[in-house]
Protein backbone atom coordinates (compact mmCIF):
# COMPACT_ATOMS: atom_id res chain seq x y z
CA MET A 1 -47.81 26.15 46.69
CA ARG A 2 -45.03 24.33 44.82
CA ASN A 3 -43.66 22.92 48.09
CA LEU A 4 -47.15 21.74 49.03
CA VAL A 5 -47.48 19.88 45.72
CA ILE A 6 -44.06 18.22 46.11
CA SER A 7 -44.86 17.24 49.71
CA SER A 8 -48.16 15.71 48.61
CA LEU A 9 -46.42 13.62 45.98
CA VAL A 10 -43.86 12.37 48.52
CA VAL A 11 -46.57 11.45 51.05
CA PHE A 12 -48.52 9.66 48.33
CA ILE A 13 -45.50 7.55 47.32
CA LEU A 14 -44.55 6.72 50.93
CA ALA A 15 -48.12 5.69 51.73
CA TRP A 16 -48.43 3.56 48.62
CA PRO A 17 -48.02 0.06 50.20
CA ASP A 18 -50.77 0.66 52.77
CA ALA A 19 -53.03 2.13 50.08
CA VAL A 20 -52.53 -0.91 47.88
CA ASP A 21 -53.54 -3.23 50.72
CA ALA A 22 -56.73 -1.24 51.14
CA ALA A 23 -57.74 -1.16 47.48
CA GLU A 24 -57.27 -3.05 44.23
CA LYS A 25 -53.81 -3.82 42.87
CA ALA A 26 -51.59 -0.88 41.98
CA LYS A 27 -50.86 -0.46 38.29
CA VAL A 28 -48.06 0.93 36.12
CA VAL A 29 -48.85 3.59 33.51
CA VAL A 30 -46.58 4.19 30.49
CA HIS A 31 -47.41 6.56 27.64
CA GLY A 32 -46.06 8.53 24.70
CA ASP A 33 -47.44 11.81 23.41
CA ILE A 34 -47.40 14.50 20.75
CA SER A 35 -47.98 18.00 22.14
CA SER A 36 -49.00 21.28 20.57
CA PRO A 37 -47.79 24.51 22.27
CA LEU A 38 -50.71 26.77 23.25
CA LYS A 39 -49.48 29.78 25.22
CA PRO A 40 -47.96 32.29 25.70
CA ARG A 41 -47.65 33.55 22.13
CA ALA A 42 -43.84 33.66 22.40
CA PHE A 43 -43.91 29.90 23.05
CA ALA A 44 -46.73 28.97 20.65
CA ASP A 45 -45.19 30.90 17.73
CA THR A 46 -41.61 29.68 18.15
CA ALA A 47 -41.97 26.00 19.12
CA ASN A 48 -42.72 22.99 16.92
CA LEU A 49 -44.84 20.05 18.00
CA GLY A 50 -43.41 18.42 21.10
CA ILE A 51 -42.52 14.76 21.48
CA GLY A 52 -42.63 13.22 24.92
CA GLY A 53 -43.62 10.45 27.24
CA GLY A 54 -44.15 9.55 30.83
CA VAL A 55 -44.44 6.92 33.51
CA GLY A 56 -46.60 6.70 36.57
CA LEU A 57 -48.52 4.65 39.10
CA ALA A 58 -52.26 4.22 39.30
CA LEU A 59 -54.31 3.17 42.31
CA PRO A 60 -57.88 2.07 41.47
CA LEU A 61 -60.22 2.95 44.33
CA THR A 62 -63.43 1.70 42.72
CA GLN A 63 -64.55 0.84 39.18
CA GLN A 64 -65.11 4.56 38.60
CA PHE A 65 -62.29 6.28 40.52
CA MET A 66 -58.51 6.00 40.16
CA ILE A 67 -55.69 8.03 41.75
CA LEU A 68 -52.79 8.77 39.38
CA ALA A 69 -49.23 9.91 40.15
CA GLY A 70 -46.87 10.43 37.23
CA VAL A 71 -43.96 12.23 35.60
CA ASP A 72 -44.18 13.55 32.04
CA TYR A 73 -41.28 14.90 29.96
CA THR A 74 -41.70 16.69 26.61
CA THR A 75 -39.24 18.31 24.20
CA PHE A 76 -40.32 21.00 21.73
CA GLY A 77 -38.09 21.78 18.75
CA LEU A 78 -37.48 25.34 17.54
CA ASP A 79 -39.63 26.79 14.76
CA ASP A 80 -36.86 28.75 13.02
CA ASP A 81 -39.15 31.00 10.95
CA GLY A 82 -41.38 31.78 13.91
CA PHE A 83 -38.38 32.56 16.13
CA ARG A 84 -36.85 34.90 13.53
CA GLU A 85 -40.15 36.77 13.15
CA GLN A 86 -40.73 36.97 16.92
CA ASN A 87 -37.25 38.36 17.56
CA GLY A 88 -36.80 40.54 14.46
CA LEU A 89 -33.96 38.48 13.01
CA PRO A 90 -33.03 38.46 9.30
CA ALA A 91 -34.68 35.76 7.20
CA GLY A 92 -31.36 34.14 6.30
CA SER A 93 -29.90 34.00 9.81
CA ILE A 94 -28.64 30.63 11.04
CA LEU A 95 -30.08 29.50 14.36
CA VAL A 96 -28.41 27.01 16.70
CA GLY A 97 -30.11 25.53 19.78
CA GLY A 98 -33.54 26.56 20.92
CA GLU A 99 -35.16 23.33 22.11
CA THR A 100 -37.57 23.73 25.01
CA SER A 101 -38.18 20.91 27.47
CA THR A 102 -40.91 20.58 30.08
CA LEU A 103 -41.17 18.34 33.13
CA TYR A 104 -44.48 17.84 34.88
CA ALA A 105 -44.80 15.68 38.01
CA SER A 106 -48.45 15.41 38.96
CA LEU A 107 -51.03 13.90 41.28
CA GLY A 108 -54.55 13.53 39.93
CA LEU A 109 -57.89 11.75 39.86
CA ARG A 110 -59.47 9.85 36.98
CA ILE A 111 -63.26 9.38 36.87
CA SER A 112 -64.47 6.64 34.51
CA ALA A 113 -67.89 5.71 33.19
CA PRO A 114 -67.90 1.98 32.28
CA LEU A 115 -70.19 1.08 29.38
CA PRO A 116 -72.33 -2.04 29.96
CA GLY A 117 -71.36 -5.02 27.85
CA ILE A 118 -68.24 -3.56 26.17
CA PRO A 119 -64.64 -3.17 27.43
CA ILE A 120 -64.41 0.57 26.61
CA ARG A 121 -64.45 3.13 29.43
CA PRO A 122 -64.57 6.89 28.72
CA TYR A 123 -63.06 9.02 31.47
CA LEU A 124 -62.21 12.50 32.70
CA VAL A 125 -58.93 13.29 34.44
CA GLY A 126 -57.53 16.28 36.30
CA GLY A 127 -54.93 17.20 38.87
CA VAL A 128 -52.11 19.42 40.08
CA GLY A 129 -48.33 19.14 40.07
CA TYR A 130 -44.82 20.53 39.86
CA PHE A 131 -44.06 22.19 36.50
CA ARG A 132 -40.61 23.01 35.07
CA ILE A 133 -39.83 24.59 31.71
CA ASP A 134 -36.25 24.74 30.45
CA PRO A 135 -35.67 26.64 27.18
CA ASP A 136 -32.24 26.32 25.53
CA ASP A 137 -30.29 29.40 24.52
CA VAL A 138 -30.42 30.29 20.83
CA THR A 139 -27.34 31.46 18.92
CA SER A 140 -27.82 33.51 15.77
CA ASP A 141 -24.78 34.63 13.76
CA GLY A 142 -22.56 34.70 16.84
CA THR A 143 -25.11 36.39 19.13
CA THR A 144 -26.64 34.32 21.93
CA LEU A 145 -30.14 34.92 23.24
CA GLY A 146 -30.60 33.41 26.72
CA PHE A 147 -33.84 32.24 28.32
CA ALA A 148 -34.48 31.42 31.97
CA THR A 149 -35.57 28.08 33.42
CA GLU A 150 -38.72 28.35 35.53
CA GLU A 151 -40.21 26.09 38.22
CA THR A 152 -43.77 26.55 39.39
CA THR A 153 -47.13 24.92 40.08
CA GLY A 154 -49.07 23.34 37.23
CA ILE A 155 -52.52 21.93 36.62
CA HIS A 156 -53.93 19.56 34.02
CA GLY A 157 -57.28 18.34 32.80
CA GLY A 158 -58.81 16.41 29.93
CA GLY A 159 -60.48 13.19 28.91
CA GLY A 160 -60.22 10.04 26.87
CA PHE A 161 -61.04 6.35 26.91
CA ASP A 162 -59.38 3.04 27.67
CA LEU A 163 -59.86 -0.42 26.20
CA SER A 164 -59.40 -3.42 28.50
CA PHE A 165 -57.73 -6.70 27.53
CA GLY A 166 -58.61 -9.00 30.38
CA SER A 167 -58.25 -7.85 33.98
CA TYR A 168 -54.52 -7.00 33.92
CA LEU A 169 -53.92 -4.86 30.84
CA SER A 170 -55.56 -1.91 29.10
CA ILE A 171 -54.59 0.66 26.50
CA PHE A 172 -55.71 4.28 26.62
CA PHE A 173 -55.97 7.36 24.43
CA ASP A 174 -56.62 10.84 25.78
CA ALA A 175 -56.19 14.57 25.25
CA LEU A 176 -55.07 16.93 28.00
CA VAL A 177 -54.30 20.56 28.60
CA ILE A 178 -51.27 21.15 30.87
CA VAL A 179 -50.68 24.65 32.24
CA GLY A 180 -47.76 25.90 34.31
CA PHE A 181 -48.17 29.22 36.14
CA THR A 182 -44.92 30.77 34.91
CA ASP A 183 -43.97 34.43 35.40
CA VAL A 184 -45.71 37.13 33.34
CA ASP A 185 -47.99 34.65 31.55
CA ALA A 186 -48.90 31.00 32.05
CA THR A 187 -47.33 28.35 29.79
CA GLY A 188 -49.66 25.78 28.27
CA TYR A 189 -49.61 22.90 25.83
CA PHE A 190 -51.99 20.26 24.50
CA PRO A 191 -50.75 16.63 24.62
CA LEU A 192 -52.41 13.80 22.70
CA ARG A 193 -51.39 10.64 24.57
CA ALA A 194 -51.48 6.91 23.94
CA GLY A 195 -50.31 4.36 26.49
CA ILE A 196 -50.81 1.17 28.46
CA ILE A 197 -51.82 0.38 32.03
CA PHE A 198 -50.84 -2.95 33.55
CA ASP A 199 -50.75 -4.60 36.96
CA ILE A 200 -47.49 -4.44 38.92
CA ALA A 201 -47.88 -8.06 40.07
CA PRO A 202 -50.70 -9.93 38.33
CA ASP A 203 -52.12 -12.95 40.08
CA ALA A 204 -50.64 -16.26 39.00
């Protein structure tokens, strides 16, 4: 499944010029986000809020439908107290390391519902992608606890709205759930995103 997702992303990128000729102008998407860890409990209880961002390309098909391809990267700091409790460590132990990073490369579809007379468009978005989670080792009083990197398939879904400024630029705000199907239990987090969408080459 992971290879199928990666192959789909490659085909999408290679076919981009022809797709642009057949539809409206391609657009660049840039965003930042704050993410809350959701699951599994070992992740939710030991990670702080994540800080991240991403870039992507958008291909409007109609006023309502847009294909999105993007890469998102997020880093979660270590919740020292939660980690000590989860692993039975003494309250005064010194912890070093422990950041967890995620990479999510996705292909998805956005469905918008333009509101007559105002430049605000609510939308729903969903898709599938390649998911990687990379937790740092944690050292406590000379003892190192190691954690494995995992690569798997992920999915995402959510909704938000964008606000247009003319025909070439818009800003957006949305909330997603991203889930990677990692071993034993799936890994999930909840990003709140804000970003901009702008034309690659606006008309003169």
